Amino acid sequence: MAISGAYFDVLLIGTGVVLAGGFSSVSGLDMEVDYEVYTEGGSSYPRFFFKNVKPQQLVLEQGVVTTVDSVSVLMAMVNQGMSVPLAGTIILKDSFGVPQRQWSVVGAHLQKYVGPQLNSNQASVAVSRIELIHNGCF
């Protein structure tokens, strides 16, 4: 069921960086795990051993970042070779601002930023797309 007028309230915090804002679209709230299957001789029951977590891509689209120049600071840090891990929450809110669902994200790193198309005849949102790589959410 789609919630009309819904938006996502995002708050991700890292060392020296706070990324907060509202976005109309969020995708990549996934988690994928690799297991190694091992079956001992004579046993019909396989055993599963944790191998690793596959990185996922979190995409925040069509939003407004409410913290002052946090995207600029984050991009400047990445340009200097510092990848700052971000952790926080993504909350789905309805048109009245009431939380409907919440996800926690840990260890997210900036992968891509796409700014808005600037057009003097039209008001445009501050952020078109932010892509982060992460190891899953809960």
N, C-alpha and C. Protein backbone atom coordinates (compact mmCIF):
# COMPACT_ATOMS: atom_id res chain seq x y z
N MET A 1 0.84 -1.18 0.00
CA MET A 1 0.00 0.00 0.00
C MET A 1 0.89 1.24 0.00
N ALA A 2 0.67 2.15 -0.89
CA ALA A 2 1.43 3.39 -0.98
C ALA A 2 0.81 4.43 -0.07
N ILE A 3 1.66 5.22 0.56
CA ILE A 3 1.20 6.28 1.44
C ILE A 3 1.34 7.59 0.69
N SER A 4 0.23 8.24 0.38
CA SER A 4 0.24 9.48 -0.39
C SER A 4 0.90 10.60 0.43
N GLY A 5 1.81 11.32 -0.20
CA GLY A 5 2.48 12.43 0.47
C GLY A 5 3.58 11.99 1.42
N ALA A 6 3.96 10.72 1.37
CA ALA A 6 4.97 10.19 2.27
C ALA A 6 6.36 10.67 1.87
N TYR A 7 7.25 10.70 2.83
CA TYR A 7 8.64 11.05 2.58
C TYR A 7 9.52 10.32 3.59
N PHE A 8 10.81 10.33 3.33
CA PHE A 8 11.78 9.68 4.20
C PHE A 8 12.60 10.73 4.92
N ASP A 9 12.66 10.63 6.24
CA ASP A 9 13.49 11.50 7.06
C ASP A 9 14.79 10.75 7.32
N VAL A 10 15.91 11.30 6.85
CA VAL A 10 17.21 10.62 6.92
C VAL A 10 18.13 11.36 7.88
N LEU A 11 18.77 10.62 8.79
CA LEU A 11 19.77 11.17 9.69
C LEU A 11 20.93 10.19 9.75
N LEU A 12 22.05 10.55 9.11
CA LEU A 12 23.26 9.74 9.12
C LEU A 12 24.39 10.57 9.71
N ILE A 13 25.11 10.00 10.67
CA ILE A 13 26.15 10.72 11.39
C ILE A 13 27.48 9.99 11.27
N GLY A 14 28.55 10.73 11.02
CA GLY A 14 29.90 10.20 11.00
C GLY A 14 30.82 11.16 11.71
N THR A 15 32.09 10.86 11.80
CA THR A 15 33.05 11.71 12.47
C THR A 15 33.16 13.05 11.75
N GLY A 16 32.65 14.10 12.37
CA GLY A 16 32.71 15.44 11.80
C GLY A 16 31.68 15.73 10.73
N VAL A 17 30.76 14.79 10.47
CA VAL A 17 29.78 14.98 9.40
C VAL A 17 28.39 14.54 9.88
N VAL A 18 27.39 15.36 9.59
CA VAL A 18 25.99 15.00 9.83
C VAL A 18 25.24 15.19 8.53
N LEU A 19 24.64 14.12 8.04
CA LEU A 19 23.84 14.18 6.81
C LEU A 19 22.39 13.98 7.22
N ALA A 20 21.62 15.08 7.19
CA ALA A 20 20.22 15.03 7.60
C ALA A 20 19.36 15.70 6.55
N GLY A 21 18.17 15.13 6.32
CA GLY A 21 17.28 15.74 5.35
C GLY A 21 16.06 14.88 5.08
N GLY A 22 15.23 15.38 4.18
CA GLY A 22 14.04 14.66 3.77
C GLY A 22 14.15 14.28 2.31
N PHE A 23 13.78 13.06 1.96
CA PHE A 23 13.89 12.55 0.60
C PHE A 23 12.58 11.90 0.19
N SER A 24 12.23 12.02 -1.08
CA SER A 24 10.98 11.42 -1.56
C SER A 24 11.16 9.96 -1.94
N SER A 25 12.40 9.53 -2.19
CA SER A 25 12.63 8.16 -2.60
C SER A 25 13.90 7.62 -1.95
N VAL A 26 13.82 6.42 -1.41
CA VAL A 26 14.97 5.72 -0.84
C VAL A 26 14.92 4.28 -1.34
N SER A 27 16.05 3.79 -1.84
CA SER A 27 16.12 2.38 -2.25
C SER A 27 17.44 1.80 -1.77
N GLY A 28 17.51 0.48 -1.76
CA GLY A 28 18.73 -0.20 -1.35
C GLY A 28 18.76 -0.54 0.12
N LEU A 29 17.61 -0.61 0.76
CA LEU A 29 17.56 -1.00 2.16
C LEU A 29 17.57 -2.53 2.24
N ASP A 30 18.63 -3.11 1.68
CA ASP A 30 18.75 -4.56 1.56
C ASP A 30 19.93 -5.06 2.41
N MET A 31 19.97 -6.36 2.55
CA MET A 31 21.13 -7.02 3.16
C MET A 31 21.28 -8.37 2.49
N GLU A 32 22.49 -8.70 2.10
CA GLU A 32 22.76 -9.98 1.45
C GLU A 32 24.00 -10.60 2.09
N VAL A 33 23.89 -11.86 2.44
CA VAL A 33 24.96 -12.56 3.15
C VAL A 33 25.38 -13.78 2.35
N ASP A 34 26.68 -14.04 2.28
CA ASP A 34 27.23 -15.24 1.65
C ASP A 34 27.51 -16.28 2.74
N TYR A 35 27.12 -17.52 2.44
CA TYR A 35 27.43 -18.64 3.33
C TYR A 35 28.19 -19.70 2.54
N GLU A 36 29.04 -20.41 3.24
CA GLU A 36 29.73 -21.55 2.65
C GLU A 36 29.02 -22.79 3.17
N VAL A 37 28.65 -23.68 2.26
CA VAL A 37 27.93 -24.90 2.64
C VAL A 37 28.95 -26.03 2.77
N TYR A 38 28.86 -26.74 3.87
CA TYR A 38 29.77 -27.84 4.15
C TYR A 38 28.95 -29.04 4.60
N THR A 39 29.14 -30.17 3.96
CA THR A 39 28.45 -31.39 4.33
C THR A 39 29.49 -32.45 4.67
N GLU A 40 29.39 -32.97 5.88
CA GLU A 40 30.32 -34.02 6.29
C GLU A 40 29.90 -35.35 5.67
N GLY A 41 30.85 -36.21 5.45
CA GLY A 41 30.55 -37.53 4.88
C GLY A 41 29.60 -38.33 5.76
N GLY A 42 28.57 -38.91 5.14
CA GLY A 42 27.61 -39.71 5.88
C GLY A 42 26.48 -38.91 6.50
N SER A 43 26.56 -37.58 6.44
CA SER A 43 25.50 -36.74 7.01
C SER A 43 24.66 -36.16 5.89
N SER A 44 23.33 -36.21 6.06
CA SER A 44 22.46 -35.64 5.03
C SER A 44 22.06 -34.20 5.37
N TYR A 45 22.59 -33.64 6.44
CA TYR A 45 22.27 -32.28 6.84
C TYR A 45 23.47 -31.36 6.60
N PRO A 46 23.34 -30.43 5.68
CA PRO A 46 24.47 -29.51 5.44
C PRO A 46 24.62 -28.51 6.58
N ARG A 47 25.83 -28.04 6.75
CA ARG A 47 26.12 -27.01 7.75
C ARG A 47 26.48 -25.75 6.99
N PHE A 48 26.00 -24.63 7.48
CA PHE A 48 26.24 -23.34 6.84
C PHE A 48 27.19 -22.52 7.70
N PHE A 49 28.25 -22.01 7.07
CA PHE A 49 29.22 -21.19 7.76
C PHE A 49 29.19 -19.78 7.15
N PHE A 50 29.11 -18.80 8.01
CA PHE A 50 29.09 -17.41 7.56
C PHE A 50 30.39 -17.10 6.82
N LYS A 51 30.26 -16.52 5.64
CA LYS A 51 31.43 -16.16 4.84
C LYS A 51 31.67 -14.65 4.88
N ASN A 52 30.70 -13.86 4.41
CA ASN A 52 30.81 -12.41 4.48
C ASN A 52 29.48 -11.76 4.10
N VAL A 53 29.40 -10.46 4.31
CA VAL A 53 28.23 -9.67 3.93
C VAL A 53 28.56 -8.96 2.63
N LYS A 54 27.65 -9.04 1.67
CA LYS A 54 27.86 -8.36 0.38
C LYS A 54 27.44 -6.90 0.50
N PRO A 55 28.29 -5.98 0.06
CA PRO A 55 27.93 -4.56 0.11
C PRO A 55 26.70 -4.26 -0.74
N GLN A 56 25.87 -3.35 -0.26
CA GLN A 56 24.65 -2.93 -0.95
C GLN A 56 24.75 -1.43 -1.26
N GLN A 57 23.92 -0.96 -2.15
CA GLN A 57 23.92 0.44 -2.54
C GLN A 57 22.64 1.11 -2.05
N LEU A 58 22.78 2.09 -1.16
CA LEU A 58 21.67 2.87 -0.63
C LEU A 58 21.55 4.13 -1.48
N VAL A 59 20.37 4.39 -2.04
CA VAL A 59 20.17 5.53 -2.92
C VAL A 59 19.10 6.44 -2.34
N LEU A 60 19.47 7.70 -2.09
CA LEU A 60 18.55 8.73 -1.60
C LEU A 60 18.28 9.68 -2.76
N GLU A 61 16.99 9.89 -3.11
CA GLU A 61 16.67 10.71 -4.28
C GLU A 61 15.66 11.81 -3.96
N GLN A 62 15.76 12.89 -4.73
CA GLN A 62 14.83 14.02 -4.70
C GLN A 62 14.58 14.50 -3.28
N GLY A 63 15.58 15.14 -2.71
CA GLY A 63 15.41 15.60 -1.34
C GLY A 63 16.08 16.92 -1.07
N VAL A 64 15.97 17.31 0.17
CA VAL A 64 16.59 18.54 0.66
C VAL A 64 17.42 18.17 1.88
N VAL A 65 18.72 18.47 1.83
CA VAL A 65 19.59 18.23 2.97
C VAL A 65 19.48 19.44 3.88
N THR A 66 19.13 19.21 5.14
CA THR A 66 18.88 20.31 6.06
C THR A 66 20.09 20.74 6.87
N THR A 67 21.16 19.94 6.86
CA THR A 67 22.37 20.34 7.57
C THR A 67 23.22 21.22 6.65
N VAL A 68 23.90 22.17 7.22
CA VAL A 68 24.66 23.15 6.44
C VAL A 68 25.88 22.51 5.80
N ASP A 69 25.90 22.49 4.48
CA ASP A 69 27.04 22.02 3.68
C ASP A 69 27.58 20.65 4.08
N SER A 70 26.75 19.77 4.61
CA SER A 70 27.25 18.46 5.02
C SER A 70 27.70 17.62 3.83
N VAL A 71 27.01 17.74 2.70
CA VAL A 71 27.40 17.00 1.51
C VAL A 71 28.75 17.52 1.00
N SER A 72 28.95 18.84 1.04
CA SER A 72 30.22 19.43 0.61
C SER A 72 31.37 18.97 1.49
N VAL A 73 31.14 18.94 2.80
CA VAL A 73 32.18 18.49 3.74
C VAL A 73 32.50 17.03 3.50
N LEU A 74 31.47 16.22 3.30
CA LEU A 74 31.67 14.79 3.05
C LEU A 74 32.45 14.56 1.76
N MET A 75 32.10 15.29 0.69
CA MET A 75 32.80 15.16 -0.59
C MET A 75 34.25 15.64 -0.46
N ALA A 76 34.49 16.71 0.28
CA ALA A 76 35.85 17.21 0.47
C ALA A 76 36.70 16.19 1.21
N MET A 77 36.12 15.53 2.21
CA MET A 77 36.86 14.50 2.95
C MET A 77 37.20 13.32 2.03
N VAL A 78 36.25 12.90 1.19
CA VAL A 78 36.51 11.81 0.25
C VAL A 78 37.59 12.21 -0.74
N ASN A 79 37.56 13.46 -1.24
CA ASN A 79 38.59 13.95 -2.15
C ASN A 79 39.98 13.94 -1.54
N GLN A 80 40.05 14.04 -0.21
CA GLN A 80 41.33 14.00 0.50
C GLN A 80 41.72 12.58 0.92
N GLY A 81 40.93 11.60 0.48
CA GLY A 81 41.27 10.22 0.76
C GLY A 81 40.69 9.67 2.06
N MET A 82 39.78 10.41 2.69
CA MET A 82 39.18 9.95 3.94
C MET A 82 37.76 9.46 3.65
N SER A 83 37.51 8.20 3.88
CA SER A 83 36.17 7.65 3.72
C SER A 83 35.55 7.55 5.09
N VAL A 84 34.60 8.41 5.37
CA VAL A 84 33.98 8.49 6.69
C VAL A 84 32.76 7.57 6.76
N PRO A 85 32.76 6.58 7.66
CA PRO A 85 31.58 5.73 7.78
C PRO A 85 30.44 6.49 8.46
N LEU A 86 29.26 6.36 7.89
CA LEU A 86 28.07 7.01 8.44
C LEU A 86 27.13 5.97 9.03
N ALA A 87 26.46 6.33 10.10
CA ALA A 87 25.48 5.45 10.74
C ALA A 87 24.29 6.29 11.17
N GLY A 88 23.11 5.70 11.13
CA GLY A 88 21.94 6.44 11.56
C GLY A 88 20.65 5.76 11.18
N THR A 89 19.61 6.57 11.01
CA THR A 89 18.28 6.02 10.75
C THR A 89 17.63 6.64 9.51
N ILE A 90 16.75 5.86 8.92
CA ILE A 90 15.89 6.32 7.83
C ILE A 90 14.48 6.01 8.28
N ILE A 91 13.65 7.06 8.35
CA ILE A 91 12.29 6.91 8.86
C ILE A 91 11.30 7.27 7.76
N LEU A 92 10.38 6.36 7.46
CA LEU A 92 9.29 6.63 6.53
C LEU A 92 8.20 7.35 7.30
N LYS A 93 7.83 8.56 6.83
CA LYS A 93 6.77 9.34 7.49
C LYS A 93 5.63 9.57 6.51
N ASP A 94 4.42 9.62 7.05
CA ASP A 94 3.27 9.90 6.19
C ASP A 94 3.13 11.40 5.97
N SER A 95 2.08 11.81 5.27
CA SER A 95 1.90 13.23 4.93
C SER A 95 1.68 14.11 6.16
N PHE A 96 1.36 13.52 7.31
CA PHE A 96 1.17 14.28 8.55
C PHE A 96 2.46 14.31 9.38
N GLY A 97 3.51 13.66 8.91
CA GLY A 97 4.78 13.62 9.63
C GLY A 97 4.84 12.54 10.70
N VAL A 98 3.91 11.61 10.67
CA VAL A 98 3.88 10.52 11.65
C VAL A 98 4.74 9.37 11.14
N PRO A 99 5.71 8.90 11.95
CA PRO A 99 6.56 7.78 11.52
C PRO A 99 5.75 6.51 11.27
N GLN A 100 6.04 5.84 10.15
CA GLN A 100 5.37 4.61 9.80
C GLN A 100 6.29 3.39 9.89
N ARG A 101 7.57 3.59 9.58
CA ARG A 101 8.55 2.50 9.60
C ARG A 101 9.94 3.10 9.75
N GLN A 102 10.86 2.37 10.35
CA GLN A 102 12.21 2.87 10.57
C GLN A 102 13.24 1.80 10.26
N TRP A 103 14.35 2.22 9.64
CA TRP A 103 15.48 1.34 9.36
C TRP A 103 16.74 1.96 9.95
N SER A 104 17.65 1.13 10.42
CA SER A 104 18.95 1.59 10.91
C SER A 104 20.02 1.16 9.91
N VAL A 105 20.93 2.08 9.62
CA VAL A 105 22.01 1.82 8.68
C VAL A 105 23.34 2.05 9.41
N VAL A 106 24.28 1.12 9.21
CA VAL A 106 25.59 1.22 9.85
C VAL A 106 26.67 1.04 8.78
N GLY A 107 27.73 1.81 8.87
CA GLY A 107 28.87 1.64 7.97
C GLY A 107 28.62 2.06 6.54
N ALA A 108 27.88 3.13 6.32
CA ALA A 108 27.61 3.62 4.96
C ALA A 108 28.71 4.60 4.54
N HIS A 109 29.15 4.48 3.28
CA HIS A 109 30.20 5.35 2.74
C HIS A 109 29.71 6.01 1.46
N LEU A 110 30.03 7.30 1.30
CA LEU A 110 29.63 8.02 0.10
C LEU A 110 30.25 7.39 -1.13
N GLN A 111 29.40 7.10 -2.13
CA GLN A 111 29.88 6.54 -3.38
C GLN A 111 29.66 7.50 -4.54
N LYS A 112 28.53 8.24 -4.52
CA LYS A 112 28.23 9.13 -5.63
C LYS A 112 27.27 10.22 -5.17
N TYR A 113 27.46 11.42 -5.70
CA TYR A 113 26.54 12.54 -5.44
C TYR A 113 26.17 13.15 -6.78
N VAL A 114 24.88 13.34 -7.01
CA VAL A 114 24.40 14.01 -8.22
C VAL A 114 23.61 15.22 -7.77
N GLY A 115 24.09 16.40 -8.12
CA GLY A 115 23.41 17.63 -7.73
C GLY A 115 22.20 17.90 -8.59
N PRO A 116 21.42 18.91 -8.22
CA PRO A 116 20.21 19.23 -8.97
C PRO A 116 20.53 19.91 -10.29
N GLN A 117 19.60 19.83 -11.22
CA GLN A 117 19.72 20.63 -12.44
C GLN A 117 19.25 22.02 -12.09
N LEU A 118 20.07 23.00 -12.38
CA LEU A 118 19.74 24.38 -12.03
C LEU A 118 18.95 25.02 -13.17
N ASN A 119 17.81 25.58 -12.82
CA ASN A 119 16.95 26.22 -13.80
C ASN A 119 16.35 27.45 -13.14
N SER A 120 16.61 28.64 -13.68
CA SER A 120 16.15 29.87 -13.04
C SER A 120 14.63 30.04 -13.13
N ASN A 121 13.97 29.30 -14.01
CA ASN A 121 12.52 29.40 -14.15
C ASN A 121 11.75 28.44 -13.26
N GLN A 122 12.47 27.62 -12.50
CA GLN A 122 11.79 26.61 -11.72
C GLN A 122 12.53 26.40 -10.41
N ALA A 123 11.76 26.31 -9.32
CA ALA A 123 12.38 25.99 -8.02
C ALA A 123 12.78 24.53 -8.06
N SER A 124 14.00 24.23 -7.64
CA SER A 124 14.50 22.87 -7.73
C SER A 124 14.91 22.40 -6.34
N VAL A 125 14.82 21.10 -6.10
CA VAL A 125 15.24 20.55 -4.82
C VAL A 125 16.76 20.62 -4.71
N ALA A 126 17.26 20.57 -3.50
CA ALA A 126 18.68 20.75 -3.26
C ALA A 126 19.52 19.55 -3.66
N VAL A 127 18.98 18.35 -3.62
CA VAL A 127 19.74 17.15 -3.93
C VAL A 127 18.94 16.30 -4.89
N SER A 128 19.56 15.86 -5.96
CA SER A 128 18.88 14.95 -6.88
C SER A 128 19.12 13.50 -6.48
N ARG A 129 20.38 13.18 -6.09
CA ARG A 129 20.68 11.78 -5.78
C ARG A 129 21.97 11.68 -4.96
N ILE A 130 21.92 10.88 -3.92
CA ILE A 130 23.10 10.54 -3.12
C ILE A 130 23.16 9.02 -3.06
N GLU A 131 24.30 8.44 -3.42
CA GLU A 131 24.48 6.99 -3.37
C GLU A 131 25.53 6.66 -2.32
N LEU A 132 25.19 5.73 -1.46
CA LEU A 132 26.08 5.28 -0.39
C LEU A 132 26.22 3.77 -0.51
N ILE A 133 27.38 3.25 -0.18
CA ILE A 133 27.59 1.81 -0.14
C ILE A 133 27.58 1.40 1.33
N HIS A 134 26.89 0.29 1.66
CA HIS A 134 26.78 -0.14 3.05
C HIS A 134 26.69 -1.66 3.12
N ASN A 135 26.81 -2.19 4.32
CA ASN A 135 26.80 -3.64 4.52
C ASN A 135 25.47 -4.16 5.04
N GLY A 136 24.41 -3.42 4.83
CA GLY A 136 23.10 -3.89 5.25
C GLY A 136 22.46 -2.99 6.28
N CYS A 137 21.19 -3.19 6.48
CA CYS A 137 20.44 -2.40 7.44
C CYS A 137 19.49 -3.32 8.19
N PHE A 138 18.98 -2.79 9.26
CA PHE A 138 18.05 -3.59 10.07
C PHE A 138 16.96 -2.70 10.63
